[in-house]
Amino acid sequence: MSNSTIHPSSLIDPSAIIGEGVEIGPFCIVGPDVVVGDRVRMISHVTVDGYTTIGEDCVLYPNVHLGHPPQDFKFEGERTELVLGKRNILRENATMHPGTAFGGAKTVVGDDGYFMVGSHVAHDCTVGDRVVFANGATIGGSSTIEDHVILGGYAGVHQNTRIGRHAFIGAMALIVGDIIPYGSAIGNHAHLVGLNVIGLKRRGIPRDTIRDLRSAYRLLFAAEGTFQERLQDVARVYESNEPVMEVISFIRKDSLRSLCMPHD
């Protein structure tokens, strides 16, 4: 805790573990079972409770609340965790809840995320690296959000839903089905509108890879044959293409949700 600065108006439980170079501004509250990594900044009015771990170099803006009991009627006060990775930025009023005993007992958020005003991560969720949750974006319990996903403003994700890597979700979309990696979805209820081509280009994905992904997408969601037949065809034609096979593996994985599809 040496080299850390704590405003005298803040209440830090003596049992909390505070790293090196931490800056805690006015009117913050940190509970007894909290671990705060090196160089974390709490601007002001931040509350962290429960068995919560905050990774190095995170920045928490006013009225961020972490680690309070999950919003699930089955939760009975059991010990569960919230683990926040490194270099995340949480803007005003962002909230994250720990897990539940019946859902895995842990909520895990990766590194380098940007969680904008009023965004929410519910109990037992797994969130990857370099995600962006725009203002008001909310994910329900036990959802999985993979790396590089962008959720538009006020997008809502139903519990137990998966969103694959590099997917883009439009503003105010209601997601009730799994979104394939590299997919783009809009609407209420949401439907696929293609691939997140702009995002792929920005991240330096080779042009040939994007071309193959687009061809595979058209084949996968064509009108001819059954979906399972088309899935087998895509897997056969693009068996050496890693991103396409990532999509195939995602679809084949067991899930509690149906797959989000394009409109007819």
Protein backbone atom coordinates (compact mmCIF):
# COMPACT_ATOMS: atom_id res chain seq x y z
CA MET A 1 0.00 0.00 0.00
CA SER A 2 3.04 2.26 0.04
CA ASN A 3 3.03 5.06 -2.52
CA SER A 4 -0.78 4.90 -2.59
CA THR A 5 -2.92 7.95 -1.92
CA ILE A 6 -6.30 7.72 -0.21
CA HIS A 7 -8.56 10.72 0.27
CA PRO A 8 -9.46 11.19 3.96
CA SER A 9 -13.19 11.07 3.16
CA SER A 10 -12.93 7.51 1.80
CA LEU A 11 -13.56 4.42 3.93
CA ILE A 12 -11.11 1.60 3.27
CA ASP A 13 -11.50 -1.51 5.40
CA PRO A 14 -8.18 -2.38 7.11
CA SER A 15 -8.48 -5.95 5.82
CA ALA A 16 -8.64 -4.89 2.15
CA ILE A 17 -5.48 -5.47 0.12
CA ILE A 18 -4.37 -2.30 -1.64
CA GLY A 19 -1.56 -2.45 -4.21
CA GLU A 20 1.26 -0.05 -4.96
CA GLY A 21 0.59 3.37 -6.46
CA VAL A 22 -3.20 3.19 -6.02
CA GLU A 23 -5.15 6.45 -6.10
CA ILE A 24 -8.46 6.51 -4.22
CA GLY A 25 -10.36 9.77 -4.51
CA PRO A 26 -13.04 11.22 -2.26
CA PHE A 27 -16.03 9.33 -0.84
CA CYS A 28 -15.02 5.84 -1.98
CA ILE A 29 -15.82 2.68 0.02
CA VAL A 30 -13.73 -0.50 -0.18
CA GLY A 31 -14.85 -3.61 1.70
CA PRO A 32 -12.78 -6.06 3.74
CA ASP A 33 -12.43 -8.82 1.13
CA VAL A 34 -11.43 -6.61 -1.78
CA VAL A 35 -8.08 -6.85 -3.57
CA VAL A 36 -7.02 -3.73 -5.50
CA GLY A 37 -4.14 -4.11 -7.96
CA ASP A 38 -1.26 -1.74 -8.50
CA ARG A 39 -1.92 1.72 -9.95
CA VAL A 40 -5.70 1.40 -9.88
CA ARG A 41 -7.47 4.77 -9.85
CA MET A 42 -10.85 5.37 -8.21
CA ILE A 43 -11.87 8.88 -9.21
CA SER A 44 -14.58 9.40 -6.55
CA HIS A 45 -17.75 7.87 -5.04
CA VAL A 46 -16.70 4.34 -6.05
CA THR A 47 -17.97 1.39 -3.99
CA VAL A 48 -16.27 -2.02 -4.09
CA ASP A 49 -17.55 -4.84 -1.91
CA GLY A 50 -17.65 -8.63 -1.68
CA TYR A 51 -14.84 -10.91 -2.80
CA THR A 52 -13.77 -8.63 -5.61
CA THR A 53 -10.38 -8.44 -7.29
CA ILE A 54 -9.46 -5.45 -9.45
CA GLY A 55 -6.52 -5.87 -11.84
CA GLU A 56 -3.66 -3.46 -12.32
CA ASP A 57 -4.11 -0.06 -13.97
CA CYS A 58 -7.91 -0.04 -14.00
CA VAL A 59 -9.69 3.32 -13.82
CA LEU A 60 -13.05 3.55 -12.04
CA TYR A 61 -15.11 6.70 -12.51
CA PRO A 62 -17.72 8.14 -10.12
CA ASN A 63 -20.53 5.89 -8.91
CA VAL A 64 -19.04 2.66 -10.21
CA HIS A 65 -20.30 -0.20 -8.04
CA LEU A 66 -18.55 -3.58 -7.98
CA GLY A 67 -19.14 -6.77 -6.04
CA HIS A 68 -22.55 -6.18 -4.50
CA PRO A 69 -24.87 -9.23 -4.29
CA PRO A 70 -26.13 -10.49 -7.65
CA GLN A 71 -29.68 -9.73 -8.71
CA ASP A 72 -30.90 -13.30 -8.54
CA PHE A 73 -33.51 -14.60 -6.11
CA LYS A 74 -31.63 -17.90 -5.72
CA PHE A 75 -28.61 -16.15 -4.22
CA GLU A 76 -28.46 -16.80 -0.47
CA GLY A 77 -25.34 -14.94 0.57
CA GLU A 78 -22.83 -17.65 -0.31
CA ARG A 79 -19.22 -16.68 -0.98
CA THR A 80 -18.78 -15.89 -4.67
CA GLU A 81 -16.31 -13.78 -6.62
CA LEU A 82 -15.92 -10.97 -9.11
CA VAL A 83 -12.56 -10.86 -10.92
CA LEU A 84 -11.82 -7.80 -13.04
CA GLY A 85 -8.75 -7.93 -15.29
CA LYS A 86 -6.12 -5.32 -16.06
CA ARG A 87 -6.37 -1.87 -17.68
CA ASN A 88 -10.15 -1.76 -17.78
CA ILE A 89 -11.93 1.58 -17.83
CA LEU A 90 -15.31 1.75 -16.10
CA ARG A 91 -17.21 4.96 -16.66
CA GLU A 92 -19.87 6.51 -14.46
CA ASN A 93 -22.54 4.22 -12.95
CA ALA A 94 -21.12 1.02 -14.44
CA THR A 95 -21.92 -2.06 -12.32
CA MET A 96 -20.62 -5.63 -12.12
CA HIS A 97 -21.87 -8.43 -9.88
CA PRO A 98 -20.19 -11.57 -8.52
CA GLY A 99 -21.29 -15.10 -9.32
CA THR A 100 -23.77 -17.44 -7.67
CA ALA A 101 -23.29 -20.92 -6.25
CA PHE A 102 -25.51 -22.47 -8.91
CA GLY A 103 -23.87 -20.57 -11.79
CA GLY A 104 -20.18 -21.24 -11.21
CA ALA A 105 -19.61 -18.83 -8.28
CA LYS A 106 -17.50 -16.40 -10.28
CA THR A 107 -17.87 -13.51 -12.69
CA VAL A 108 -14.73 -12.96 -14.77
CA VAL A 109 -13.94 -9.91 -16.89
CA GLY A 110 -10.82 -9.83 -19.09
CA ASP A 111 -8.29 -7.09 -19.82
CA ASP A 112 -8.43 -3.75 -21.66
CA GLY A 113 -12.21 -3.38 -21.73
CA TYR A 114 -14.11 -0.10 -21.95
CA PHE A 115 -17.41 -0.07 -20.04
CA MET A 116 -19.31 3.12 -20.68
CA VAL A 117 -21.90 4.94 -18.57
CA GLY A 118 -24.52 2.70 -16.98
CA SER A 119 -23.30 -0.58 -18.47
CA HIS A 120 -23.82 -3.77 -16.49
CA VAL A 121 -22.21 -7.21 -16.19
CA ALA A 122 -24.46 -9.67 -14.35
CA HIS A 123 -23.66 -12.69 -12.20
CA ASP A 124 -21.59 -15.63 -13.49
CA CYS A 125 -20.73 -13.95 -16.78
CA THR A 126 -17.48 -14.41 -18.65
CA VAL A 127 -16.29 -11.35 -20.57
CA GLY A 128 -13.22 -11.41 -22.80
CA ASP A 129 -10.46 -8.93 -23.60
CA ARG A 130 -10.78 -5.59 -25.39
CA VAL A 131 -14.54 -5.47 -25.34
CA VAL A 132 -16.57 -2.27 -25.56
CA PHE A 133 -19.91 -1.87 -23.75
CA ALA A 134 -21.50 1.39 -24.86
CA ASN A 135 -23.79 3.43 -22.61
CA GLY A 136 -26.46 1.30 -20.94
CA ALA A 137 -25.38 -2.00 -22.51
CA THR A 138 -26.42 -4.88 -20.24
CA ILE A 139 -25.70 -8.60 -20.23
CA GLY A 140 -27.80 -11.10 -18.28
CA GLY A 141 -26.46 -13.77 -15.97
CA SER A 142 -24.23 -16.62 -17.17
CA SER A 143 -23.62 -14.99 -20.54
CA THR A 144 -20.32 -15.29 -22.41
CA ILE A 145 -18.95 -12.29 -24.31
CA GLU A 146 -15.78 -13.15 -26.20
CA ASP A 147 -12.79 -10.97 -27.16
CA HIS A 148 -13.21 -7.76 -29.19
CA VAL A 149 -17.01 -7.73 -28.98
CA ILE A 150 -18.72 -4.34 -29.22
CA LEU A 151 -22.16 -3.82 -27.67
CA GLY A 152 -23.96 -0.71 -28.88
CA GLY A 153 -25.79 1.69 -26.59
CA TYR A 154 -28.60 0.12 -24.53
CA ALA A 155 -28.13 -3.27 -26.14
CA GLY A 156 -29.56 -6.01 -23.94
CA VAL A 157 -28.28 -9.59 -23.85
CA HIS A 158 -30.51 -12.36 -22.49
CA GLN A 159 -29.04 -14.61 -19.80
CA ASN A 160 -27.09 -17.71 -20.91
CA THR A 161 -26.31 -16.14 -24.29
CA ARG A 162 -22.99 -16.40 -26.13
CA ILE A 163 -21.52 -13.70 -28.36
CA GLY A 164 -18.50 -14.79 -30.41
CA ARG A 165 -15.24 -12.96 -30.99
CA HIS A 166 -15.20 -9.76 -33.04
CA ALA A 167 -19.01 -9.53 -33.16
CA PHE A 168 -20.75 -6.18 -33.36
CA ILE A 169 -24.15 -5.57 -31.75
CA GLY A 170 -26.09 -2.48 -32.81
CA ALA A 171 -27.57 0.07 -30.46
CA MET A 172 -30.77 -0.94 -28.62
CA ALA A 173 -30.59 -4.51 -29.96
CA LEU A 174 -32.25 -7.22 -27.90
CA ILE A 175 -30.13 -10.36 -28.12
CA VAL A 176 -32.02 -13.58 -27.35
CA GLY A 177 -29.87 -15.97 -29.42
CA ASP A 178 -26.17 -16.73 -29.77
CA ILE A 179 -24.23 -14.43 -32.13
CA ILE A 180 -21.59 -16.12 -34.28
CA PRO A 181 -17.98 -14.89 -34.18
CA TYR A 182 -17.41 -11.99 -36.59
CA GLY A 183 -21.19 -11.49 -36.89
CA SER A 184 -23.13 -8.23 -36.89
CA ALA A 185 -26.62 -8.06 -35.40
CA ILE A 186 -29.28 -5.37 -35.02
CA GLY A 187 -32.91 -5.11 -34.05
CA ASN A 188 -35.45 -6.13 -31.43
CA HIS A 189 -35.47 -9.09 -31.44
CA ALA A 190 -32.04 -9.01 -33.04
CA HIS A 191 -31.15 -10.69 -36.34
CA LEU A 192 -27.89 -11.12 -38.21
CA VAL A 193 -27.20 -8.58 -40.93
CA GLY A 194 -23.84 -9.94 -42.08
CA LEU A 195 -20.30 -9.81 -40.79
CA ASN A 196 -18.50 -7.11 -38.85
CA VAL A 197 -16.37 -6.29 -41.87
CA ILE A 198 -15.42 -2.79 -40.71
CA GLY A 199 -14.18 -4.15 -37.39
CA LEU A 200 -12.20 -6.89 -39.11
CA LYS A 201 -10.49 -4.38 -41.38
CA ARG A 202 -9.65 -2.13 -38.44
CA ARG A 203 -8.00 -5.05 -36.65
CA GLY A 204 -5.85 -5.91 -39.64
CA ILE A 205 -7.53 -9.15 -40.68
CA PRO A 206 -6.17 -10.02 -44.17
CA ARG A 207 -8.41 -9.25 -47.13
CA ASP A 208 -8.36 -12.89 -48.31
CA THR A 209 -9.56 -14.07 -44.91
CA ILE A 210 -12.43 -11.58 -44.92
CA ARG A 211 -13.37 -12.68 -48.45
CA ASP A 212 -13.52 -16.32 -47.38
CA LEU A 213 -15.54 -15.44 -44.28
CA ARG A 214 -18.08 -13.59 -46.43
CA SER A 215 -18.32 -16.50 -48.87
CA ALA A 216 -18.76 -18.96 -46.03
CA TYR A 217 -21.44 -16.74 -44.46
CA ARG A 218 -23.42 -16.63 -47.71
CA LEU A 219 -23.21 -20.40 -48.07
CA LEU A 220 -24.10 -21.04 -44.44
CA PHE A 221 -27.24 -18.90 -44.54
CA ALA A 222 -28.34 -19.65 -48.10
CA ALA A 223 -31.89 -20.77 -48.89
CA GLU A 224 -31.00 -24.19 -50.33
CA GLY A 225 -30.98 -27.34 -48.22
CA THR A 226 -31.18 -27.67 -44.45
CA PHE A 227 -29.01 -25.68 -42.09
CA GLN A 228 -27.17 -28.83 -40.97
CA GLU A 229 -26.39 -29.70 -44.59
CA ARG A 230 -25.04 -26.21 -45.23
CA LEU A 231 -23.02 -26.39 -42.02
CA GLN A 232 -21.37 -29.59 -43.22
CA ASP A 233 -20.71 -28.07 -46.65
CA VAL A 234 -19.00 -25.01 -45.14
CA ALA A 235 -16.91 -27.19 -42.82
CA ARG A 236 -15.77 -29.28 -45.78
CA VAL A 237 -15.00 -26.40 -48.17
CA TYR A 238 -13.22 -24.23 -45.59
CA GLU A 239 -11.65 -26.86 -43.35
CA SER A 240 -8.24 -25.15 -43.61
CA ASN A 241 -9.58 -21.66 -42.87
CA GLU A 242 -9.19 -21.02 -39.15
CA PRO A 243 -11.69 -18.12 -38.75
CA VAL A 244 -14.40 -19.99 -40.69
CA MET A 245 -13.82 -23.11 -38.61
CA GLU A 246 -14.05 -20.95 -35.49
CA VAL A 247 -17.59 -20.05 -36.59
CA ILE A 248 -18.39 -23.72 -37.24
CA SER A 249 -17.09 -24.78 -33.81
CA PHE A 250 -19.09 -22.00 -32.15
CA ILE A 251 -22.30 -23.19 -33.82
CA ARG A 252 -21.67 -26.83 -32.95
CA LYS A 253 -21.00 -26.15 -29.29
CA ASP A 254 -23.81 -26.97 -26.86
CA SER A 255 -25.84 -23.95 -25.82
CA LEU A 256 -28.98 -23.03 -23.91
CA ARG A 257 -29.88 -20.54 -26.63
CA SER A 258 -30.80 -20.94 -30.27
CA LEU A 259 -28.63 -19.34 -32.93
CA CYS A 260 -29.37 -15.77 -34.00
CA MET A 261 -30.18 -15.97 -37.71
CA PRO A 262 -30.65 -13.50 -40.58
CA HIS A 263 -34.16 -12.43 -41.52
CA ASP A 264 -35.75 -14.49 -44.27
